[in-house]
Amino acid sequence: MIVTFKSKASGDLIYFKDAALKLLQLMGRDDKVPSALYADDVGAALAQLQQGLAAIAETERAKAEQTEAEIADKPNGGKGHVSLNVRAVPLIEMLQKAQKKHSPVQWE
């Protein structure tokens, strides 16, 4: 399933459901799709998302240090992994634009 984030402040964003639900949880929202953020709530959701992502980044950094040696031993270098922090960048930008333009954000 796909979740689409929409705001008049920017273009639409499409995420797979698992990534979208993790990002919504970090924003302090439940896993209800469709739903929305009022324009007044965008700033708080953005701040929560950034704090949650910072904590995840620290955990991923520690894991990466532990597994570096394991990946170096594999002939193909192991599978690539796109972190949630990287996946969140477009959503963070959307929320920042929505906050500046005082626009709501919805997802479906």
Protein backbone atom coordinates (compact mmCIF):
# COMPACT_ATOMS: atom_id res chain seq x y z
CA MET A 1 0.00 0.00 0.00
CA ILE A 2 1.08 3.54 -0.69
CA VAL A 3 0.50 6.66 1.43
CA THR A 4 0.47 10.07 -0.26
CA PHE A 5 1.27 13.22 1.73
CA LYS A 6 -0.27 16.40 0.34
CA SER A 7 0.05 20.09 1.09
CA LYS A 8 -0.68 23.26 -0.85
CA ALA A 9 2.80 24.42 0.20
CA SER A 10 4.58 21.77 -1.93
CA GLY A 11 4.12 18.83 -4.26
CA ASP A 12 2.76 15.43 -3.25
CA LEU A 13 5.00 12.84 -1.59
CA ILE A 14 4.52 9.11 -1.96
CA TYR A 15 5.77 6.61 0.62
CA PHE A 16 5.29 2.91 1.09
CA LYS A 17 2.94 2.26 4.01
CA ASP A 18 5.57 0.90 6.42
CA ALA A 19 7.85 3.94 6.05
CA ALA A 20 4.90 6.35 6.17
CA LEU A 21 3.54 4.82 9.38
CA LYS A 22 6.96 5.02 11.05
CA LEU A 23 7.25 8.68 10.09
CA LEU A 24 3.73 9.42 11.33
CA GLN A 25 4.53 7.73 14.62
CA LEU A 26 7.66 9.87 15.00
CA MET A 27 5.50 12.95 14.33
CA GLY A 28 3.32 11.97 17.28
CA ARG A 29 0.44 10.83 15.10
CA ASP A 30 -1.41 7.53 15.11
CA ASP A 31 -1.42 5.14 12.14
CA LYS A 32 -4.75 6.42 10.86
CA VAL A 33 -4.82 6.83 7.08
CA PRO A 34 -6.32 9.11 5.79
CA SER A 35 -5.76 11.92 8.25
CA ALA A 36 -4.26 15.40 8.45
CA LEU A 37 -2.40 18.01 10.45
CA TYR A 38 -3.93 21.42 11.00
CA ALA A 39 -1.66 24.26 9.96
CA ASP A 40 -1.16 25.19 13.63
CA ASP A 41 0.08 21.65 14.44
CA VAL A 42 2.68 21.36 11.66
CA GLY A 43 5.51 22.99 13.65
CA ALA A 44 5.11 20.66 16.63
CA ALA A 45 4.91 17.59 14.36
CA LEU A 46 8.05 18.72 12.54
CA ALA A 47 9.95 19.18 15.80
CA GLN A 48 8.89 15.73 17.07
CA LEU A 49 9.87 14.13 13.76
CA GLN A 50 13.32 15.72 13.84
CA GLN A 51 13.90 14.65 17.45
CA GLY A 52 12.82 11.08 16.71
CA LEU A 53 15.00 10.90 13.62
CA ALA A 54 18.00 12.18 15.57
CA ALA A 55 17.57 9.35 18.07
CA ILE A 56 17.26 6.79 15.28
CA ALA A 57 20.36 8.20 13.57
CA GLU A 58 22.38 7.68 16.74
CA THR A 59 21.21 4.07 16.99
CA GLU A 60 21.93 3.43 13.30
CA ARG A 61 25.41 4.94 13.67
CA ALA A 62 26.21 2.50 16.46
CA LYS A 63 24.88 -0.45 14.42
CA ALA A 64 26.87 0.65 11.37
CA GLU A 65 30.10 0.64 13.33
CA GLN A 66 29.43 -2.90 14.51
CA THR A 67 28.55 -4.27 11.09
CA GLU A 68 31.25 -2.52 9.03
CA ALA A 69 33.62 -5.43 9.47
CA GLU A 70 30.92 -7.95 8.53
CA ILE A 71 30.03 -6.10 5.32
CA ALA A 72 33.69 -5.78 4.33
CA ASP A 73 33.98 -9.58 4.47
CA LYS A 74 31.09 -10.13 2.02
CA PRO A 75 32.01 -10.28 -1.70
CA ASN A 76 29.24 -7.87 -2.83
CA GLY A 77 29.50 -5.58 0.18
CA GLY A 78 26.12 -6.67 1.57
CA LYS A 79 22.69 -5.30 0.73
CA GLY A 80 22.17 -1.58 0.51
CA HIS A 81 20.00 0.02 3.18
CA VAL A 82 18.26 3.37 2.94
CA SER A 83 17.82 4.77 6.43
CA LEU A 84 14.60 6.31 7.65
CA ASN A 85 16.51 9.58 8.03
CA VAL A 86 17.19 9.66 4.30
CA ARG A 87 13.62 8.69 3.47
CA ALA A 88 12.32 11.46 5.74
CA VAL A 89 14.12 14.34 4.02
CA PRO A 90 11.33 15.12 1.50
CA LEU A 91 8.71 15.00 4.28
CA ILE A 92 10.78 17.32 6.48
CA GLU A 93 11.05 19.76 3.58
CA MET A 94 7.29 19.55 3.01
CA LEU A 95 6.57 20.23 6.68
CA GLN A 96 8.99 23.17 6.71
CA LYS A 97 7.30 24.71 3.66
CA ALA A 98 3.85 24.08 5.14
CA GLN A 99 4.92 25.73 8.39
CA LYS A 100 6.22 28.81 6.53
CA LYS A 101 3.04 29.10 4.44
CA HIS A 102 0.79 28.12 7.35
CA SER A 103 -0.75 25.27 5.34
CA PRO A 104 -2.22 22.01 6.58
CA VAL A 105 -0.73 18.64 5.58
CA GLN A 106 -2.89 15.63 4.83
CA TRP A 107 -2.19 12.02 3.94
CA GLU A 108 -4.25 9.33 2.31
